[in-house]
C-alpha cells in the first residue's frame, strides 16, 4: 500500500453554518462545496488549505457515527484521511496485517470518492480513512 498524500482532515461540528463562518471570516478560507452524504447521516463542507482539504462534518442524525462522536467527545478532529491508488488492494493488505477494518469493501463518500475506514483500535487511536478517486472508466 502506498499513501500519496493527506486527502483531508475531518472535523466534527454541531452546527455547519457556524463552523463555516469561523473558517471563512476568521481563518480566511473559502468553502468550496457543501454536500450531504445520506448513508453516513452527515452534511459536509470543504475548504482547501495548500494541498490539503478540511472537511467539516455535521451529523444529520444524533445516532450517526459523527453524532455519537460529538455526544461522547464533543466537537473536534474526527479523522484523518489518506489518498491511495488502489483502495481494494490496500484493504486486503491491511487485513492481512491484522488491522481492524470498519469497512471491508470500499463505499461511496463525499466528493465522489471511494472510501473505507480503519478502526482506531488498530491505528493508534486515530480514526483513519483511506480514499481513492474512482476509475473514470467505470
C-alpha atoms as a PDB file:
ATOM      1  CA  UNK A   1       0.000   0.000   0.000  1.00  0.00           C
ATOM      2  CA  UNK A   2       1.285   3.428  -0.897  1.00  0.00           C
ATOM      3  CA  UNK A   3      -0.165   6.614   0.555  1.00  0.00           C
ATOM      4  CA  UNK A   4       0.178   9.550  -1.837  1.00  0.00           C
ATOM      5  CA  UNK A   5      -0.928  12.450   0.386  1.00  0.00           C
ATOM      6  CA  UNK A   6      -3.229  13.573   3.159  1.00  0.00           C
ATOM      7  CA  UNK A   7      -6.576  13.753   1.381  1.00  0.00           C
ATOM      8  CA  UNK A   8      -8.339  15.648   4.160  1.00  0.00           C
ATOM      9  CA  UNK A   9      -8.764  16.142   7.872  1.00  0.00           C
ATOM     10  CA  UNK A  10     -12.311  15.559   9.130  1.00  0.00           C
ATOM     11  CA  UNK A  11     -13.630  17.793  11.907  1.00  0.00           C
ATOM     12  CA  UNK A  12     -16.917  17.061  13.688  1.00  0.00           C
ATOM     13  CA  UNK A  13     -19.086  20.126  14.323  1.00  0.00           C
ATOM     14  CA  UNK A  14     -22.511  20.657  15.844  1.00  0.00           C
ATOM     15  CA  UNK A  15     -23.504  23.493  13.520  1.00  0.00           C
ATOM     16  CA  UNK A  16     -22.111  23.574   9.998  1.00  0.00           C
ATOM     17  CA  UNK A  17     -23.133  27.173   9.278  1.00  0.00           C
ATOM     18  CA  UNK A  18     -21.409  28.488  12.413  1.00  0.00           C
ATOM     19  CA  UNK A  19     -18.287  26.453  11.672  1.00  0.00           C
ATOM     20  CA  UNK A  20     -18.197  27.647   8.048  1.00  0.00           C
ATOM     21  CA  UNK A  21     -18.421  31.247   9.274  1.00  0.00           C
ATOM     22  CA  UNK A  22     -15.384  30.696  11.528  1.00  0.00           C
ATOM     23  CA  UNK A  23     -13.284  29.135   8.763  1.00  0.00           C
ATOM     24  CA  UNK A  24     -14.213  31.866   6.284  1.00  0.00           C
ATOM     25  CA  UNK A  25     -14.325  35.016   8.454  1.00  0.00           C
ATOM     26  CA  UNK A  26     -11.592  34.221  10.960  1.00  0.00           C
ATOM     27  CA  UNK A  27      -9.220  31.932   9.054  1.00  0.00           C
ATOM     28  CA  UNK A  28      -9.867  33.452   5.630  1.00  0.00           C
ATOM     29  CA  UNK A  29     -10.562  30.142   3.892  1.00  0.00           C
ATOM     30  CA  UNK A  30     -13.279  29.674   1.266  1.00  0.00           C
ATOM     31  CA  UNK A  31     -15.869  26.921   1.497  1.00  0.00           C
ATOM     32  CA  UNK A  32     -15.926  25.417  -1.985  1.00  0.00           C
ATOM     33  CA  UNK A  33     -18.519  22.653  -1.506  1.00  0.00           C
ATOM     34  CA  UNK A  34     -21.339  21.610   0.779  1.00  0.00           C
ATOM     35  CA  UNK A  35     -22.734  18.106   0.388  1.00  0.00           C
ATOM     36  CA  UNK A  36     -24.985  15.732   2.289  1.00  0.00           C
ATOM     37  CA  UNK A  37     -23.875  12.107   2.466  1.00  0.00           C
ATOM     38  CA  UNK A  38     -27.189  10.468   3.325  1.00  0.00           C
ATOM     39  CA  UNK A  39     -25.909   6.955   4.066  1.00  0.00           C
ATOM     40  CA  UNK A  40     -23.384   8.367   6.570  1.00  0.00           C
ATOM     41  CA  UNK A  41     -26.001  10.754   8.014  1.00  0.00           C
ATOM     42  CA  UNK A  42     -23.755  13.800   7.715  1.00  0.00           C
ATOM     43  CA  UNK A  43     -23.642  17.132   5.951  1.00  0.00           C
ATOM     44  CA  UNK A  44     -20.145  18.166   4.895  1.00  0.00           C
ATOM     45  CA  UNK A  45     -18.374  21.384   3.968  1.00  0.00           C
ATOM     46  CA  UNK A  46     -14.945  21.517   2.330  1.00  0.00           C
ATOM     47  CA  UNK A  47     -12.077  24.001   2.416  1.00  0.00           C
ATOM     48  CA  UNK A  48      -8.653  23.890   0.729  1.00  0.00           C
ATOM     49  CA  UNK A  49      -5.511  24.951   2.523  1.00  0.00           C
ATOM     50  CA  UNK A  50      -2.391  24.336   0.493  1.00  0.00           C
ATOM     51  CA  UNK A  51      -2.702  20.812  -0.903  1.00  0.00           C
ATOM     52  CA  UNK A  52      -4.919  19.572   1.938  1.00  0.00           C
ATOM     53  CA  UNK A  53      -8.665  19.735   2.432  1.00  0.00           C
ATOM     54  CA  UNK A  54     -10.519  20.344   5.664  1.00  0.00           C
ATOM     55  CA  UNK A  55     -13.855  18.517   5.827  1.00  0.00           C
ATOM     56  CA  UNK A  56     -16.381  19.754   8.370  1.00  0.00           C
ATOM     57  CA  UNK A  57     -18.916  17.100   9.361  1.00  0.00           C
ATOM     58  CA  UNK A  58     -22.308  17.952  10.891  1.00  0.00           C
ATOM     59  CA  UNK A  59     -24.460  14.968  11.864  1.00  0.00           C
ATOM     60  CA  UNK A  60     -27.956  14.889  10.375  1.00  0.00           C
ATOM     61  CA  UNK A  61     -28.939  12.241  12.942  1.00  0.00           C
ATOM     62  CA  UNK A  62     -27.785  12.090  16.564  1.00  0.00           C
ATOM     63  CA  UNK A  63     -27.414   8.303  16.174  1.00  0.00           C
ATOM     64  CA  UNK A  64     -24.928   8.624  13.300  1.00  0.00           C
ATOM     65  CA  UNK A  65     -21.251   7.881  13.881  1.00  0.00           C
ATOM     66  CA  UNK A  66     -20.448  11.614  13.893  1.00  0.00           C
ATOM     67  CA  UNK A  67     -23.431  12.344  16.154  1.00  0.00           C
ATOM     68  CA  UNK A  68     -22.249   9.737  18.660  1.00  0.00           C
ATOM     69  CA  UNK A  69     -18.683  11.073  18.406  1.00  0.00           C
ATOM     70  CA  UNK A  70     -19.840  14.595  19.330  1.00  0.00           C
ATOM     71  CA  UNK A  71     -22.023  13.249  22.138  1.00  0.00           C
ATOM     72  CA  UNK A  72     -19.088  11.324  23.633  1.00  0.00           C
ATOM     73  CA  UNK A  73     -16.108  13.583  22.870  1.00  0.00           C
ATOM     74  CA  UNK A  74     -17.500  16.926  21.755  1.00  0.00           C
ATOM     75  CA  UNK A  75     -16.592  18.792  18.604  1.00  0.00           C
ATOM     76  CA  UNK A  76     -13.120  18.418  17.178  1.00  0.00           C
ATOM     77  CA  UNK A  77     -10.870  16.364  14.957  1.00  0.00           C
ATOM     78  CA  UNK A  78     -12.774  13.262  13.929  1.00  0.00           C
ATOM     79  CA  UNK A  79     -10.456  11.538  11.426  1.00  0.00           C
ATOM     80  CA  UNK A  80      -7.526  11.860   9.078  1.00  0.00           C
ATOM     81  CA  UNK A  81      -7.863  10.663   5.505  1.00  0.00           C
ATOM     82  CA  UNK A  82      -5.086   9.468   3.227  1.00  0.00           C
ATOM     83  CA  UNK A  83      -5.236   9.048  -0.540  1.00  0.00           C
ATOM     84  CA  UNK A  84      -4.337   5.659  -2.020  1.00  0.00           C
ATOM     85  CA  UNK A  85      -4.225   4.485  -5.626  1.00  0.00           C
ATOM     86  CA  UNK A  86      -5.916   1.108  -5.115  1.00  0.00           C
ATOM     87  CA  UNK A  87      -8.298   1.038  -2.162  1.00  0.00           C
ATOM     88  CA  UNK A  88      -9.399  -2.588  -2.526  1.00  0.00           C
ATOM     89  CA  UNK A  89      -5.794  -3.751  -2.596  1.00  0.00           C
ATOM     90  CA  UNK A  90      -4.934  -1.544   0.409  1.00  0.00           C
ATOM     91  CA  UNK A  91      -7.809  -3.027   2.430  1.00  0.00           C
ATOM     92  CA  UNK A  92      -6.707  -6.557   1.546  1.00  0.00           C
ATOM     93  CA  UNK A  93      -3.133  -5.788   2.585  1.00  0.00           C
ATOM     94  CA  UNK A  94      -4.208  -4.159   5.847  1.00  0.00           C
ATOM     95  CA  UNK A  95      -6.488  -7.098   6.652  1.00  0.00           C
ATOM     96  CA  UNK A  96      -3.534  -9.439   6.171  1.00  0.00           C
ATOM     97  CA  UNK A  97      -1.609  -7.273   8.649  1.00  0.00           C
ATOM     98  CA  UNK A  98      -4.428  -7.753  11.215  1.00  0.00           C
ATOM     99  CA  UNK A  99      -5.611  -4.148  11.030  1.00  0.00           C
ATOM    100  CA  UNK A 100      -9.238  -3.955  12.149  1.00  0.00           C
ATOM    101  CA  UNK A 101     -11.300  -2.693   9.199  1.00  0.00           C
ATOM    102  CA  UNK A 102     -14.547  -0.812   9.732  1.00  0.00           C
ATOM    103  CA  UNK A 103     -15.186  -1.130   6.001  1.00  0.00           C
ATOM    104  CA  UNK A 104     -14.035  -4.371   4.407  1.00  0.00           C
ATOM    105  CA  UNK A 105     -15.025  -3.060   0.969  1.00  0.00           C
ATOM    106  CA  UNK A 106     -14.845   0.464  -0.465  1.00  0.00           C
ATOM    107  CA  UNK A 107     -18.008   2.552  -0.336  1.00  0.00           C
ATOM    108  CA  UNK A 108     -19.014   5.934  -1.733  1.00  0.00           C
ATOM    109  CA  UNK A 109     -18.106   9.029   0.234  1.00  0.00           C
ATOM    110  CA  UNK A 110     -18.259  12.786  -0.221  1.00  0.00           C
ATOM    111  CA  UNK A 111     -16.912  14.330  -3.418  1.00  0.00           C
ATOM    112  CA  UNK A 112     -17.491  11.033  -5.259  1.00  0.00           C
ATOM    113  CA  UNK A 113     -14.514   9.336  -3.621  1.00  0.00           C
ATOM    114  CA  UNK A 114     -14.377   5.651  -2.767  1.00  0.00           C
ATOM    115  CA  UNK A 115     -13.634   5.415   0.940  1.00  0.00           C
ATOM    116  CA  UNK A 116     -13.023   2.956   3.759  1.00  0.00           C
ATOM    117  CA  UNK A 117     -12.342   3.453   7.456  1.00  0.00           C
ATOM    118  CA  UNK A 118      -9.843   1.689   9.690  1.00  0.00           C
ATOM    119  CA  UNK A 119     -10.749   1.147  13.336  1.00  0.00           C
ATOM    120  CA  UNK A 120      -8.934   3.361  15.867  1.00  0.00           C
ATOM    121  CA  UNK A 121      -8.150   0.268  17.960  1.00  0.00           C
ATOM    122  CA  UNK A 122      -5.681  -0.722  15.212  1.00  0.00           C
ATOM    123  CA  UNK A 123      -4.367   2.729  14.281  1.00  0.00           C
ATOM    124  CA  UNK A 124      -3.016   4.289  17.458  1.00  0.00           C
ATOM    125  CA  UNK A 125      -6.450   5.627  18.481  1.00  0.00           C
ATOM    126  CA  UNK A 126      -6.815   7.709  15.295  1.00  0.00           C
ATOM    127  CA  UNK A 127      -9.852   7.042  13.124  1.00  0.00           C
ATOM    128  CA  UNK A 128      -8.254   6.627   9.699  1.00  0.00           C
ATOM    129  CA  UNK A 129      -9.963   6.936   6.348  1.00  0.00           C
ATOM    130  CA  UNK A 130      -8.490   5.762   3.065  1.00  0.00           C
ATOM    131  CA  UNK A 131      -9.727   7.498  -0.106  1.00  0.00           C
ATOM    132  CA  UNK A 132      -9.449   6.683  -3.770  1.00  0.00           C
ATOM    133  CA  UNK A 133     -10.608   8.643  -6.797  1.00  0.00           C
ATOM    134  CA  UNK A 134     -12.968   6.360  -8.692  1.00  0.00           C
ATOM    135  CA  UNK A 135     -11.823   4.944 -12.010  1.00  0.00           C
ATOM    136  CA  UNK A 136     -13.117   7.284 -14.699  1.00  0.00           C
ATOM    137  CA  UNK A 137     -13.772   4.280 -16.944  1.00  0.00           C
ATOM    138  CA  UNK A 138     -16.410   2.847 -14.594  1.00  0.00           C
END
